[in-house]
PDB file of N, CA and C in Angstrom:
ATOM      1  N   UNK A   1      19.499  -0.349  -7.888  1.00  0.00           N
ATOM      2  CA  UNK A   1      18.951  -0.481  -6.553  1.00  0.00           C
ATOM      3  C   UNK A   1      19.128  -1.930  -6.107  1.00  0.00           C
ATOM      4  N   UNK A   2      19.603  -2.096  -4.886  1.00  0.00           N
ATOM      5  CA  UNK A   2      19.798  -3.444  -4.379  1.00  0.00           C
ATOM      6  C   UNK A   2      18.465  -4.045  -3.948  1.00  0.00           C
ATOM      7  N   UNK A   3      18.487  -5.348  -3.798  1.00  0.00           N
ATOM      8  CA  UNK A   3      17.277  -6.052  -3.369  1.00  0.00           C
ATOM      9  C   UNK A   3      16.816  -5.568  -1.997  1.00  0.00           C
ATOM     10  N   UNK A   4      17.769  -5.303  -1.115  1.00  0.00           N
ATOM     11  CA  UNK A   4      17.441  -4.828   0.228  1.00  0.00           C
ATOM     12  C   UNK A   4      16.798  -3.442   0.180  1.00  0.00           C
ATOM     13  N   UNK A   5      17.337  -2.550  -0.667  1.00  0.00           N
ATOM     14  CA  UNK A   5      16.758  -1.218  -0.795  1.00  0.00           C
ATOM     15  C   UNK A   5      15.333  -1.292  -1.329  1.00  0.00           C
ATOM     16  N   UNK A   6      15.105  -2.189  -2.273  1.00  0.00           N
ATOM     17  CA  UNK A   6      13.764  -2.368  -2.827  1.00  0.00           C
ATOM     18  C   UNK A   6      12.808  -2.846  -1.734  1.00  0.00           C
ATOM     19  N   UNK A   7      13.263  -3.795  -0.916  1.00  0.00           N
ATOM     20  CA  UNK A   7      12.433  -4.299   0.184  1.00  0.00           C
ATOM     21  C   UNK A   7      12.096  -3.213   1.181  1.00  0.00           C
ATOM     22  N   UNK A   8      13.053  -2.351   1.467  1.00  0.00           N
ATOM     23  CA  UNK A   8      12.826  -1.249   2.406  1.00  0.00           C
ATOM     24  C   UNK A   8      11.795  -0.292   1.833  1.00  0.00           C
ATOM     25  N   UNK A   9      11.895   0.010   0.533  1.00  0.00           N
ATOM     26  CA  UNK A   9      10.921   0.912  -0.081  1.00  0.00           C
ATOM     27  C   UNK A   9       9.524   0.305  -0.077  1.00  0.00           C
ATOM     28  N   UNK A  10       9.415  -0.987  -0.351  1.00  0.00           N
ATOM     29  CA  UNK A  10       8.113  -1.644  -0.350  1.00  0.00           C
ATOM     30  C   UNK A  10       7.526  -1.646   1.064  1.00  0.00           C
ATOM     31  N   UNK A  11       8.372  -1.905   2.070  1.00  0.00           N
ATOM     32  CA  UNK A  11       7.897  -1.866   3.455  1.00  0.00           C
ATOM     33  C   UNK A  11       7.429  -0.466   3.818  1.00  0.00           C
ATOM     34  N   UNK A  12       8.160   0.547   3.380  1.00  0.00           N
ATOM     35  CA  UNK A  12       7.765   1.930   3.653  1.00  0.00           C
ATOM     36  C   UNK A  12       6.440   2.248   2.982  1.00  0.00           C
ATOM     37  N   UNK A  13       6.245   1.740   1.765  1.00  0.00           N
ATOM     38  CA  UNK A  13       4.978   1.948   1.069  1.00  0.00           C
ATOM     39  C   UNK A  13       3.837   1.324   1.867  1.00  0.00           C
ATOM     40  N   UNK A  14       4.058   0.120   2.387  1.00  0.00           N
ATOM     41  CA  UNK A  14       3.020  -0.546   3.180  1.00  0.00           C
ATOM     42  C   UNK A  14       2.654   0.243   4.416  1.00  0.00           C
ATOM     43  N   UNK A  15       3.650   0.730   5.123  1.00  0.00           N
ATOM     44  CA  UNK A  15       3.390   1.515   6.324  1.00  0.00           C
ATOM     45  C   UNK A  15       2.695   2.822   5.965  1.00  0.00           C
ATOM     46  N   UNK A  16       3.108   3.428   4.849  1.00  0.00           N
ATOM     47  CA  UNK A  16       2.470   4.665   4.413  1.00  0.00           C
ATOM     48  C   UNK A  16       1.012   4.432   4.041  1.00  0.00           C
ATOM     49  N   UNK A  17       0.733   3.318   3.365  1.00  0.00           N
ATOM     50  CA  UNK A  17      -0.648   2.987   2.999  1.00  0.00           C
ATOM     51  C   UNK A  17      -1.488   2.862   4.259  1.00  0.00           C
ATOM     52  N   UNK A  18      -0.978   2.158   5.253  1.00  0.00           N
ATOM     53  CA  UNK A  18      -1.723   1.994   6.504  1.00  0.00           C
ATOM     54  C   UNK A  18      -1.966   3.353   7.160  1.00  0.00           C
ATOM     55  N   UNK A  19      -0.942   4.192   7.192  1.00  0.00           N
ATOM     56  CA  UNK A  19      -1.081   5.507   7.822  1.00  0.00           C
ATOM     57  C   UNK A  19      -2.114   6.355   7.095  1.00  0.00           C
ATOM     58  N   UNK A  20      -2.121   6.280   5.773  1.00  0.00           N
ATOM     59  CA  UNK A  20      -3.075   7.064   5.001  1.00  0.00           C
ATOM     60  C   UNK A  20      -4.491   6.566   5.228  1.00  0.00           C
ATOM     61  N   UNK A  21      -4.661   5.257   5.290  1.00  0.00           N
ATOM     62  CA  UNK A  21      -5.995   4.695   5.517  1.00  0.00           C
ATOM     63  C   UNK A  21      -6.512   5.121   6.889  1.00  0.00           C
ATOM     64  N   UNK A  22      -5.627   5.196   7.852  1.00  0.00           N
ATOM     65  CA  UNK A  22      -6.041   5.543   9.206  1.00  0.00           C
ATOM     66  C   UNK A  22      -6.245   7.043   9.404  1.00  0.00           C
ATOM     67  N   UNK A  23      -5.630   7.866   8.543  1.00  0.00           N
ATOM     68  CA  UNK A  23      -5.758   9.318   8.690  1.00  0.00           C
ATOM     69  C   UNK A  23      -6.494   9.888   7.489  1.00  0.00           C
ATOM     70  N   UNK A  24      -6.606  11.185   7.456  1.00  0.00           N
ATOM     71  CA  UNK A  24      -7.281  11.843   6.336  1.00  0.00           C
ATOM     72  C   UNK A  24      -6.389  11.774   5.101  1.00  0.00           C
ATOM     73  N   UNK A  25      -6.867  11.187   4.000  1.00  0.00           N
ATOM     74  CA  UNK A  25      -6.049  11.073   2.794  1.00  0.00           C
ATOM     75  C   UNK A  25      -5.511  12.408   2.290  1.00  0.00           C
ATOM     76  N   UNK A  26      -6.247  13.462   2.411  1.00  0.00           N
ATOM     77  CA  UNK A  26      -5.784  14.763   1.915  1.00  0.00           C
ATOM     78  C   UNK A  26      -4.535  15.220   2.664  1.00  0.00           C
ATOM     79  N   UNK A  27      -4.461  14.952   3.956  1.00  0.00           N
ATOM     80  CA  UNK A  27      -3.298  15.348   4.745  1.00  0.00           C
ATOM     81  C   UNK A  27      -2.067  14.546   4.352  1.00  0.00           C
ATOM     82  N   UNK A  28      -2.243  13.273   4.074  1.00  0.00           N
ATOM     83  CA  UNK A  28      -1.112  12.393   3.817  1.00  0.00           C
ATOM     84  C   UNK A  28      -0.638  12.443   2.375  1.00  0.00           C
ATOM     85  N   UNK A  29      -1.433  12.982   1.458  1.00  0.00           N
ATOM     86  CA  UNK A  29      -1.037  12.995   0.062  1.00  0.00           C
ATOM     87  C   UNK A  29       0.278  13.710  -0.148  1.00  0.00           C
ATOM     88  N   UNK A  30       0.525  14.785   0.565  1.00  0.00           N
ATOM     89  CA  UNK A  30       1.776  15.506   0.429  1.00  0.00           C
ATOM     90  C   UNK A  30       2.967  14.706   0.915  1.00  0.00           C
ATOM     91  N   UNK A  31       2.750  13.798   1.840  1.00  0.00           N
ATOM     92  CA  UNK A  31       3.828  13.001   2.399  1.00  0.00           C
ATOM     93  C   UNK A  31       4.225  11.860   1.480  1.00  0.00           C
ATOM     94  N   UNK A  32       3.281  11.143   0.915  1.00  0.00           N
ATOM     95  CA  UNK A  32       3.567  10.026   0.029  1.00  0.00           C
ATOM     96  C   UNK A  32       2.398   9.861  -0.941  1.00  0.00           C
ATOM     97  N   UNK A  33       2.499  10.489  -2.097  1.00  0.00           N
ATOM     98  CA  UNK A  33       1.382  10.449  -3.044  1.00  0.00           C
ATOM     99  C   UNK A  33       1.029   9.041  -3.516  1.00  0.00           C
ATOM    100  N   UNK A  34       2.029   8.166  -3.676  1.00  0.00           N
ATOM    101  CA  UNK A  34       1.733   6.785  -4.107  1.00  0.00           C
ATOM    102  C   UNK A  34       0.915   6.071  -3.051  1.00  0.00           C
ATOM    103  N   UNK A  35       1.306   6.220  -1.794  1.00  0.00           N
ATOM    104  CA  UNK A  35       0.576   5.570  -0.714  1.00  0.00           C
ATOM    105  C   UNK A  35      -0.837   6.122  -0.610  1.00  0.00           C
ATOM    106  N   UNK A  36      -0.975   7.430  -0.809  1.00  0.00           N
ATOM    107  CA  UNK A  36      -2.303   8.042  -0.759  1.00  0.00           C
ATOM    108  C   UNK A  36      -3.192   7.502  -1.875  1.00  0.00           C
ATOM    109  N   UNK A  37      -2.610   7.322  -3.062  1.00  0.00           N
ATOM    110  CA  UNK A  37      -3.384   6.794  -4.191  1.00  0.00           C
ATOM    111  C   UNK A  37      -3.815   5.355  -3.918  1.00  0.00           C
ATOM    112  N   UNK A  38      -2.909   4.553  -3.365  1.00  0.00           N
ATOM    113  CA  UNK A  38      -3.245   3.164  -3.043  1.00  0.00           C
ATOM    114  C   UNK A  38      -4.303   3.131  -1.946  1.00  0.00           C
ATOM    115  N   UNK A  39      -4.119   3.937  -0.917  1.00  0.00           N
ATOM    116  CA  UNK A  39      -5.073   3.949   0.191  1.00  0.00           C
ATOM    117  C   UNK A  39      -6.462   4.357  -0.268  1.00  0.00           C
ATOM    118  N   UNK A  40      -6.517   5.362  -1.124  1.00  0.00           N
ATOM    119  CA  UNK A  40      -7.822   5.825  -1.615  1.00  0.00           C
ATOM    120  C   UNK A  40      -8.476   4.740  -2.473  1.00  0.00           C
ATOM    121  N   UNK A  41      -7.706   4.138  -3.360  1.00  0.00           N
ATOM    122  CA  UNK A  41      -8.254   3.116  -4.257  1.00  0.00           C
ATOM    123  C   UNK A  41      -8.562   1.814  -3.521  1.00  0.00           C
ATOM    124  N   UNK A  42      -7.840   1.558  -2.435  1.00  0.00           N
ATOM    125  CA  UNK A  42      -7.941   0.258  -1.757  1.00  0.00           C
ATOM    126  C   UNK A  42      -8.627   0.306  -0.401  1.00  0.00           C
ATOM    127  N   UNK A  43      -9.213   1.411  -0.044  1.00  0.00           N
ATOM    128  CA  UNK A  43      -9.794   1.545   1.302  1.00  0.00           C
ATOM    129  C   UNK A  43     -10.705   0.365   1.655  1.00  0.00           C
ATOM    130  N   UNK A  44     -11.662   0.043   0.811  1.00  0.00           N
ATOM    131  CA  UNK A  44     -12.586  -1.052   1.141  1.00  0.00           C
ATOM    132  C   UNK A  44     -11.882  -2.410   1.077  1.00  0.00           C
ATOM    133  N   UNK A  45     -10.931  -2.566   0.155  1.00  0.00           N
ATOM    134  CA  UNK A  45     -10.178  -3.823   0.058  1.00  0.00           C
ATOM    135  C   UNK A  45      -9.328  -4.036   1.308  1.00  0.00           C
ATOM    136  N   UNK A  46      -8.673  -2.961   1.776  1.00  0.00           N
ATOM    137  CA  UNK A  46      -7.871  -3.062   2.991  1.00  0.00           C
ATOM    138  C   UNK A  46      -8.750  -3.418   4.189  1.00  0.00           C
ATOM    139  N   UNK A  47      -9.913  -2.804   4.275  1.00  0.00           N
ATOM    140  CA  UNK A  47     -10.829  -3.116   5.371  1.00  0.00           C
ATOM    141  C   UNK A  47     -11.330  -4.555   5.285  1.00  0.00           C
ATOM    142  N   UNK A  48     -11.558  -5.037   4.073  1.00  0.00           N
ATOM    143  CA  UNK A  48     -12.085  -6.384   3.898  1.00  0.00           C
ATOM    144  C   UNK A  48     -11.019  -7.467   4.102  1.00  0.00           C
ATOM    145  N   UNK A  49      -9.838  -7.281   3.529  1.00  0.00           N
ATOM    146  CA  UNK A  49      -8.836  -8.353   3.520  1.00  0.00           C
ATOM    147  C   UNK A  49      -7.702  -8.171   4.523  1.00  0.00           C
ATOM    148  N   UNK A  50      -7.450  -6.948   4.970  1.00  0.00           N
ATOM    149  CA  UNK A  50      -6.266  -6.701   5.785  1.00  0.00           C
ATOM    150  C   UNK A  50      -6.566  -5.995   7.104  1.00  0.00           C
ATOM    151  N   UNK A  51      -7.805  -6.004   7.528  1.00  0.00           N
ATOM    152  CA  UNK A  51      -8.207  -5.263   8.732  1.00  0.00           C
ATOM    153  C   UNK A  51      -7.427  -5.687   9.974  1.00  0.00           C
ATOM    154  N   UNK A  52      -7.134  -6.957  10.114  1.00  0.00           N
ATOM    155  CA  UNK A  52      -6.447  -7.435  11.313  1.00  0.00           C
ATOM    156  C   UNK A  52      -4.938  -7.470  11.196  1.00  0.00           C
ATOM    157  N   UNK A  53      -4.401  -6.945  10.119  1.00  0.00           N
ATOM    158  CA  UNK A  53      -2.961  -6.999   9.884  1.00  0.00           C
ATOM    159  C   UNK A  53      -2.266  -5.878  10.638  1.00  0.00           C
ATOM    160  N   UNK A  54      -1.266  -6.240  11.429  1.00  0.00           N
ATOM    161  CA  UNK A  54      -0.467  -5.277  12.184  1.00  0.00           C
ATOM    162  C   UNK A  54       0.458  -4.543  11.214  1.00  0.00           C
ATOM    163  N   UNK A  55       0.458  -3.209  11.197  1.00  0.00           N
ATOM    164  CA  UNK A  55       1.339  -2.482  10.285  1.00  0.00           C
ATOM    165  C   UNK A  55       2.805  -2.621  10.675  1.00  0.00           C
ATOM    166  N   UNK A  56       3.648  -2.439   9.689  1.00  0.00           N
ATOM    167  CA  UNK A  56       5.086  -2.514   9.897  1.00  0.00           C
ATOM    168  C   UNK A  56       5.660  -3.776   9.292  1.00  0.00           C
ATOM    169  N   UNK A  57       6.905  -3.697   8.920  1.00  0.00           N
ATOM    170  CA  UNK A  57       7.597  -4.857   8.380  1.00  0.00           C
ATOM    171  C   UNK A  57       7.071  -5.318   7.027  1.00  0.00           C
ATOM    172  N   UNK A  58       6.331  -4.471   6.340  1.00  0.00           N
ATOM    173  CA  UNK A  58       5.810  -4.833   5.032  1.00  0.00           C
ATOM    174  C   UNK A  58       4.577  -5.723   5.065  1.00  0.00           C
ATOM    175  N   UNK A  59       3.948  -5.852   6.237  1.00  0.00           N
ATOM    176  CA  UNK A  59       2.803  -6.759   6.362  1.00  0.00           C
ATOM    177  C   UNK A  59       1.570  -6.290   5.587  1.00  0.00           C
ATOM    178  N   UNK A  60       1.343  -4.979   5.496  1.00  0.00           N
ATOM    179  CA  UNK A  60       0.198  -4.469   4.743  1.00  0.00           C
ATOM    180  C   UNK A  60       0.385  -4.774   3.261  1.00  0.00           C
ATOM    181  N   UNK A  61       1.577  -4.499   2.755  1.00  0.00           N
ATOM    182  CA  UNK A  61       1.875  -4.794   1.351  1.00  0.00           C
ATOM    183  C   UNK A  61       1.765  -6.293   1.097  1.00  0.00           C
ATOM    184  N   UNK A  62       2.280  -7.103   2.024  1.00  0.00           N
ATOM    185  CA  UNK A  62       2.193  -8.559   1.878  1.00  0.00           C
ATOM    186  C   UNK A  62       0.742  -9.018   1.844  1.00  0.00           C
ATOM    187  N   UNK A  63      -0.103  -8.397   2.662  1.00  0.00           N
ATOM    188  CA  UNK A  63      -1.519  -8.747   2.676  1.00  0.00           C
ATOM    189  C   UNK A  63      -2.170  -8.403   1.344  1.00  0.00           C
ATOM    190  N   UNK A  64      -1.893  -7.203   0.844  1.00  0.00           N
ATOM    191  CA  UNK A  64      -2.445  -6.821  -0.457  1.00  0.00           C
ATOM    192  C   UNK A  64      -1.953  -7.767  -1.548  1.00  0.00           C
ATOM    193  N   UNK A  65      -0.670  -8.087  -1.499  1.00  0.00           N
ATOM    194  CA  UNK A  65      -0.092  -8.985  -2.505  1.00  0.00           C
ATOM    195  C   UNK A  65      -0.728 -10.370  -2.423  1.00  0.00           C
ATOM    196  N   UNK A  66      -0.939 -10.866  -1.209  1.00  0.00           N
ATOM    197  CA  UNK A  66      -1.546 -12.193  -1.023  1.00  0.00           C
ATOM    198  C   UNK A  66      -2.990 -12.233  -1.521  1.00  0.00           C
ATOM    199  N   UNK A  67      -3.647 -11.097  -1.490  1.00  0.00           N
ATOM    200  CA  UNK A  67      -5.051 -11.017  -1.918  1.00  0.00           C
ATOM    201  C   UNK A  67      -5.208 -10.335  -3.268  1.00  0.00           C
ATOM    202  N   UNK A  68      -4.125 -10.186  -3.996  1.00  0.00           N
ATOM    203  CA  UNK A  68      -4.129  -9.416  -5.239  1.00  0.00           C
ATOM    204  C   UNK A  68      -5.217  -9.865  -6.213  1.00  0.00           C
ATOM    205  N   UNK A  69      -5.464 -11.145  -6.302  1.00  0.00           N
ATOM    206  CA  UNK A  69      -6.487 -11.662  -7.211  1.00  0.00           C
ATOM    207  C   UNK A  69      -7.906 -11.312  -6.803  1.00  0.00           C
ATOM    208  N   UNK A  70      -8.101 -10.952  -5.536  1.00  0.00           N
ATOM    209  CA  UNK A  70      -9.429 -10.622  -5.021  1.00  0.00           C
ATOM    210  C   UNK A  70      -9.686  -9.114  -4.985  1.00  0.00           C
ATOM    211  N   UNK A  71      -8.647  -8.312  -5.175  1.00  0.00           N
ATOM    212  CA  UNK A  71      -8.775  -6.865  -5.042  1.00  0.00           C
ATOM    213  C   UNK A  71      -9.633  -6.277  -6.151  1.00  0.00           C
ATOM    214  N   UNK A  72     -10.293  -5.180  -5.844  1.00  0.00           N
ATOM    215  CA  UNK A  72     -11.074  -4.480  -6.865  1.00  0.00           C
ATOM    216  C   UNK A  72     -10.129  -4.008  -7.966  1.00  0.00           C
ATOM    217  N   UNK A  73     -10.680  -3.755  -9.140  1.00  0.00           N
ATOM    218  CA  UNK A  73      -9.862  -3.364 -10.293  1.00  0.00           C
ATOM    219  C   UNK A  73      -9.073  -2.080 -10.008  1.00  0.00           C
ATOM    220  N   UNK A  74      -9.712  -1.104  -9.385  1.00  0.00           N
ATOM    221  CA  UNK A  74      -9.032   0.154  -9.081  1.00  0.00           C
ATOM    222  C   UNK A  74      -7.903  -0.028  -8.083  1.00  0.00           C
ATOM    223  N   UNK A  75      -8.130  -0.861  -7.086  1.00  0.00           N
ATOM    224  CA  UNK A  75      -7.106  -1.142  -6.087  1.00  0.00           C
ATOM    225  C   UNK A  75      -5.941  -1.887  -6.723  1.00  0.00           C
ATOM    226  N   UNK A  76      -6.245  -2.908  -7.508  1.00  0.00           N
ATOM    227  CA  UNK A  76      -5.189  -3.658  -8.187  1.00  0.00           C
ATOM    228  C   UNK A  76      -4.319  -2.736  -9.019  1.00  0.00           C
ATOM    229  N   UNK A  77      -4.946  -1.876  -9.782  1.00  0.00           N
ATOM    230  CA  UNK A  77      -4.219  -0.962 -10.652  1.00  0.00           C
ATOM    231  C   UNK A  77      -3.315  -0.029  -9.844  1.00  0.00           C
ATOM    232  N   UNK A  78      -3.837   0.566  -8.792  1.00  0.00           N
ATOM    233  CA  UNK A  78      -3.058   1.483  -7.961  1.00  0.00           C
ATOM    234  C   UNK A  78      -1.927   0.752  -7.248  1.00  0.00           C
ATOM    235  N   UNK A  79      -2.205  -0.440  -6.752  1.00  0.00           N
ATOM    236  CA  UNK A  79      -1.212  -1.214  -6.019  1.00  0.00           C
ATOM    237  C   UNK A  79      -0.072  -1.645  -6.933  1.00  0.00           C
ATOM    238  N   UNK A  80      -0.398  -2.165  -8.104  1.00  0.00           N
ATOM    239  CA  UNK A  80       0.629  -2.594  -9.052  1.00  0.00           C
ATOM    240  C   UNK A  80       1.466  -1.400  -9.508  1.00  0.00           C
ATOM    241  N   UNK A  81       0.811  -0.281  -9.777  1.00  0.00           N
ATOM    242  CA  UNK A  81       1.518   0.927 -10.191  1.00  0.00           C
ATOM    243  C   UNK A  81       2.475   1.408  -9.101  1.00  0.00           C
ATOM    244  N   UNK A  82       2.039   1.405  -7.859  1.00  0.00           N
ATOM    245  CA  UNK A  82       2.883   1.833  -6.748  1.00  0.00           C
ATOM    246  C   UNK A  82       4.069   0.893  -6.553  1.00  0.00           C
ATOM    247  N   UNK A  83       3.828  -0.405  -6.697  1.00  0.00           N
ATOM    248  CA  UNK A  83       4.935  -1.361  -6.562  1.00  0.00           C
ATOM    249  C   UNK A  83       5.966  -1.171  -7.661  1.00  0.00           C
ATOM    250  N   UNK A  84       5.499  -0.917  -8.880  1.00  0.00           N
ATOM    251  CA  UNK A  84       6.431  -0.678  -9.990  1.00  0.00           C
ATOM    252  C   UNK A  84       7.236   0.592  -9.738  1.00  0.00           C
ATOM    253  N   UNK A  85       6.579   1.626  -9.258  1.00  0.00           N
ATOM    254  CA  UNK A  85       7.267   2.887  -8.971  1.00  0.00           C
ATOM    255  C   UNK A  85       8.296   2.712  -7.857  1.00  0.00           C
ATOM    256  N   UNK A  86       7.968   1.908  -6.851  1.00  0.00           N
ATOM    257  CA  UNK A  86       8.890   1.672  -5.739  1.00  0.00           C
ATOM    258  C   UNK A  86      10.112   0.876  -6.175  1.00  0.00           C
ATOM    259  N   UNK A  87       9.928   0.008  -7.156  1.00  0.00           N
ATOM    260  CA  UNK A  87      11.023  -0.835  -7.629  1.00  0.00           C
ATOM    261  C   UNK A  87      12.028  -0.059  -8.482  1.00  0.00           C
ATOM    262  N   UNK A  88      11.625   1.098  -8.989  1.00  0.00           N
ATOM    263  CA  UNK A  88      12.513   1.861  -9.871  1.00  0.00           C
ATOM    264  C   UNK A  88      13.509   2.680  -9.112  1.00  0.00           C
TER     265      UNK A  88
END
């Protein structure tokens, strides 16, 4: 996988996470299970650290990454797992 393809997948994950947080997680799980898992685990973290972040262009993922040290243990675990899966 090229670096550009990896970046596109990470950006898509960020947009999916935002969409899942904004909609019902059960509906979005079928669309992107990794994003649904991150959104469920990170709901309060996203509200606390990334509430004002405009979705798109990987900004949600960048926000989570920038605040990775502050994220709850469950959110950190889900986020790191999703990033590893996206990189493969």
